[in-house]
Amino acid sequence: MKDETYLDYTGSALYQKAQLKDMFDRFEQNLYCNAHSNSACSERTEEEVELVRDTILDWFNASASEYSIIFTAGTTAALKLVGETFPWSE
């Protein structure tokens, strides 16, 4: 990042070379596609997504029987989901 300024306003971090290498290796060795389709590559994608969910639950020492990991497009989408599904009452 020579002569560059990085301002973090989205809660994201800069990726590391090791992350890029790992992802490139995965993409080079596997085909990933829409997890909601019915094909071998969609099953592989769903397996990866479930692995990430399990890793997050393990990180927080949380049980899958009590908690769900839901991926959203961003904070706004997550808040909308909570707002629309929370059992609001007076």
Protein backbone atom coordinates (compact mmCIF):
# COMPACT_ATOMS: atom_id res chain seq x y z
CA MET A 1 0.00 0.00 0.00
CA LYS A 2 2.88 2.30 -0.72
CA ASP A 3 1.68 5.91 -1.00
CA GLU A 4 -1.92 4.86 -0.34
CA THR A 5 -4.37 5.80 2.39
CA TYR A 6 -6.96 3.27 3.50
CA LEU A 7 -10.04 4.54 5.35
CA ASP A 8 -12.25 1.81 6.76
CA TYR A 9 -15.87 2.91 6.78
CA THR A 10 -17.57 -0.40 6.03
CA GLY A 11 -16.23 -2.60 8.80
CA SER A 12 -14.12 -4.48 6.30
CA ALA A 13 -10.44 -5.20 6.53
CA LEU A 14 -7.76 -5.43 3.91
CA TYR A 15 -7.25 -8.95 2.64
CA GLN A 16 -3.94 -10.68 3.07
CA LYS A 17 -1.88 -12.40 0.35
CA ALA A 18 -2.40 -15.74 2.13
CA GLN A 19 -6.18 -15.28 1.89
CA LEU A 20 -5.98 -14.54 -1.82
CA LYS A 21 -3.74 -17.56 -2.41
CA ASP A 22 -6.08 -19.84 -0.45
CA MET A 23 -9.12 -18.64 -2.38
CA PHE A 24 -7.34 -18.85 -5.73
CA ASP A 25 -6.30 -22.43 -4.93
CA ARG A 26 -9.88 -23.31 -4.01
CA PHE A 27 -11.29 -21.75 -7.18
CA GLU A 28 -8.63 -23.47 -9.25
CA GLN A 29 -9.48 -26.89 -7.79
CA ASN A 30 -13.27 -26.60 -7.46
CA LEU A 31 -16.27 -25.25 -9.28
CA TYR A 32 -18.69 -23.38 -7.03
CA CYS A 33 -22.16 -22.28 -8.10
CA ASN A 34 -25.55 -21.28 -6.75
CA ALA A 35 -26.11 -23.23 -3.54
CA HIS A 36 -29.86 -23.27 -4.23
CA SER A 37 -29.52 -25.22 -7.47
CA ASN A 38 -29.47 -28.99 -7.87
CA SER A 39 -26.04 -30.00 -9.13
CA ALA A 40 -22.69 -31.28 -7.91
CA CYS A 41 -21.18 -27.80 -7.81
CA SER A 42 -24.16 -26.42 -5.89
CA GLU A 43 -23.83 -29.23 -3.35
CA ARG A 44 -20.12 -28.36 -2.97
CA THR A 45 -21.02 -24.72 -2.41
CA GLU A 46 -23.63 -25.65 0.20
CA GLU A 47 -21.08 -27.87 1.98
CA GLU A 48 -18.65 -24.93 2.15
CA VAL A 49 -21.37 -22.60 3.46
CA GLU A 50 -22.33 -25.12 6.16
CA LEU A 51 -18.67 -25.51 7.11
CA VAL A 52 -18.41 -21.75 7.59
CA ARG A 53 -21.61 -21.74 9.68
CA ASP A 54 -20.21 -24.53 11.88
CA THR A 55 -16.89 -22.70 12.23
CA ILE A 56 -18.68 -19.54 13.39
CA LEU A 57 -20.79 -21.47 15.91
CA ASP A 58 -17.66 -23.22 17.21
CA TRP A 59 -15.85 -19.89 17.52
CA PHE A 60 -18.59 -18.58 19.79
CA ASN A 61 -19.05 -21.93 21.54
CA ALA A 62 -22.69 -21.85 20.46
CA SER A 63 -24.99 -24.76 19.74
CA ALA A 64 -26.64 -25.21 16.34
CA SER A 65 -29.77 -26.33 18.21
CA GLU A 66 -30.04 -22.88 19.81
CA TYR A 67 -28.53 -20.52 17.23
CA SER A 68 -28.63 -20.03 13.47
CA ILE A 69 -26.05 -18.32 11.31
CA ILE A 70 -27.74 -16.30 8.59
CA PHE A 71 -25.74 -14.55 5.88
CA THR A 72 -27.14 -11.31 4.49
CA ALA A 73 -26.01 -8.78 1.91
CA GLY A 74 -25.04 -6.36 4.67
CA THR A 75 -26.08 -4.67 7.89
CA THR A 76 -29.15 -3.03 6.39
CA ALA A 77 -30.45 -6.37 5.09
CA ALA A 78 -29.75 -7.99 8.48
CA LEU A 79 -31.62 -5.27 10.37
CA LYS A 80 -34.53 -5.50 7.92
CA LEU A 81 -34.69 -9.26 8.51
CA VAL A 82 -34.72 -8.78 12.29
CA GLY A 83 -37.33 -6.03 12.05
CA GLU A 84 -39.63 -8.13 9.90
CA THR A 85 -39.37 -11.33 11.94
CA PHE A 86 -39.03 -10.16 15.54
CA PRO A 87 -42.21 -10.72 17.55
CA TRP A 88 -42.77 -7.06 18.41
CA SER A 89 -45.30 -6.29 21.14
CA GLU A 90 -46.32 -3.37 23.29
